[in-house]
Amino acid sequence: MRPPLQIQENPYLQFSLGYTTYVDEEPFHHSLLTHFRERLGLEVLAEVNGWIAHAALQAER
């Protein structure tokens, strides 16, 4: 299932993302995240992934 479709079909997820009303349409095109990954490059993505992994390890402690 594509992430935008999950958002479209789940009113609880829409609410947690800040939507004020239920929206029955895709919030963004499914290829949008691919464009972000391409623009950021591998080094930046590796750094962000490191931050996420570090935060996850800290949360487990």
C-alpha atoms as a PDB file:
ATOM      1  CA  MET A   1       0.000   0.000   0.000  1.00  0.00           C
ATOM      2  CA  ARG A   2       1.383   3.405  -0.920  1.00  0.00           C
ATOM      3  CA  PRO A   3       1.843   5.857   1.992  1.00  0.00           C
ATOM      4  CA  PRO A   4      -0.441   8.565   0.520  1.00  0.00           C
ATOM      5  CA  LEU A   5      -3.207   5.964   0.206  1.00  0.00           C
ATOM      6  CA  GLN A   6      -2.786   5.016   3.869  1.00  0.00           C
ATOM      7  CA  ILE A   7      -3.227   8.677   4.807  1.00  0.00           C
ATOM      8  CA  GLN A   8      -6.225   8.998   2.506  1.00  0.00           C
ATOM      9  CA  GLU A   9      -8.016   5.989   4.022  1.00  0.00           C
ATOM     10  CA  ASN A  10      -7.291   6.626   7.695  1.00  0.00           C
ATOM     11  CA  PRO A  11      -9.061   9.536   9.448  1.00  0.00           C
ATOM     12  CA  TYR A  12      -7.024   8.963  12.635  1.00  0.00           C
ATOM     13  CA  LEU A  13      -3.773   9.312  10.706  1.00  0.00           C
ATOM     14  CA  GLN A  14      -5.084  12.450   8.992  1.00  0.00           C
ATOM     15  CA  PHE A  15      -5.936  13.942  12.373  1.00  0.00           C
ATOM     16  CA  SER A  16      -2.477  13.144  13.779  1.00  0.00           C
ATOM     17  CA  LEU A  17      -0.915  14.832  10.724  1.00  0.00           C
ATOM     18  CA  GLY A  18      -2.836  18.029  11.442  1.00  0.00           C
ATOM     19  CA  TYR A  19      -5.787  17.767   9.069  1.00  0.00           C
ATOM     20  CA  THR A  20      -8.786  19.669  10.430  1.00  0.00           C
ATOM     21  CA  THR A  21     -11.333  17.677   8.393  1.00  0.00           C
ATOM     22  CA  TYR A  22     -11.418  14.274   6.716  1.00  0.00           C
ATOM     23  CA  VAL A  23     -10.095  14.477   3.142  1.00  0.00           C
ATOM     24  CA  ASP A  24     -10.957  11.675   0.724  1.00  0.00           C
ATOM     25  CA  GLU A  25      -8.134  12.265  -1.755  1.00  0.00           C
ATOM     26  CA  GLU A  26      -4.437  11.487  -1.873  1.00  0.00           C
ATOM     27  CA  PRO A  27      -2.555  14.184   0.086  1.00  0.00           C
ATOM     28  CA  PHE A  28       0.393  14.091  -2.342  1.00  0.00           C
ATOM     29  CA  HIS A  29       1.566  12.122  -5.354  1.00  0.00           C
ATOM     30  CA  HIS A  30       3.287   8.867  -4.428  1.00  0.00           C
ATOM     31  CA  SER A  31       6.464   9.836  -6.306  1.00  0.00           C
ATOM     32  CA  LEU A  32       7.041  12.973  -4.210  1.00  0.00           C
ATOM     33  CA  LEU A  33       9.285  11.216  -1.688  1.00  0.00           C
ATOM     34  CA  THR A  34      11.442   9.900  -4.534  1.00  0.00           C
ATOM     35  CA  HIS A  35      12.044  13.471  -5.696  1.00  0.00           C
ATOM     36  CA  PHE A  36      13.112  14.475  -2.168  1.00  0.00           C
ATOM     37  CA  ARG A  37      15.524  11.530  -1.941  1.00  0.00           C
ATOM     38  CA  GLU A  38      17.057  12.416  -5.298  1.00  0.00           C
ATOM     39  CA  ARG A  39      17.495  16.073  -4.369  1.00  0.00           C
ATOM     40  CA  LEU A  40      18.987  15.400  -0.938  1.00  0.00           C
ATOM     41  CA  GLY A  41      21.596  12.886  -2.082  1.00  0.00           C
ATOM     42  CA  LEU A  42      23.104   9.855  -0.386  1.00  0.00           C
ATOM     43  CA  GLU A  43      25.248  11.729   2.151  1.00  0.00           C
ATOM     44  CA  VAL A  44      22.365  13.725   3.589  1.00  0.00           C
ATOM     45  CA  LEU A  45      20.084  10.689   3.660  1.00  0.00           C
ATOM     46  CA  ALA A  46      22.759   8.669   5.465  1.00  0.00           C
ATOM     47  CA  GLU A  47      23.092  11.450   8.038  1.00  0.00           C
ATOM     48  CA  VAL A  48      19.329  11.630   8.581  1.00  0.00           C
ATOM     49  CA  ASN A  49      19.148   7.844   8.910  1.00  0.00           C
ATOM     50  CA  GLY A  50      21.899   8.051  11.520  1.00  0.00           C
ATOM     51  CA  TRP A  51      19.903  10.608  13.507  1.00  0.00           C
ATOM     52  CA  ILE A  52      16.840   8.378  13.390  1.00  0.00           C
ATOM     53  CA  ALA A  53      18.805   5.281  14.455  1.00  0.00           C
ATOM     54  CA  HIS A  54      20.455   7.211  17.292  1.00  0.00           C
ATOM     55  CA  ALA A  55      17.098   8.528  18.517  1.00  0.00           C
ATOM     56  CA  ALA A  56      15.611   5.014  18.392  1.00  0.00           C
ATOM     57  CA  LEU A  57      18.495   3.630  20.465  1.00  0.00           C
ATOM     58  CA  GLN A  58      18.107   6.442  22.998  1.00  0.00           C
ATOM     59  CA  ALA A  59      14.371   5.779  23.273  1.00  0.00           C
ATOM     60  CA  GLU A  60      15.010   2.098  24.074  1.00  0.00           C
ATOM     61  CA  ARG A  61      17.223   2.953  27.049  1.00  0.00           C
END
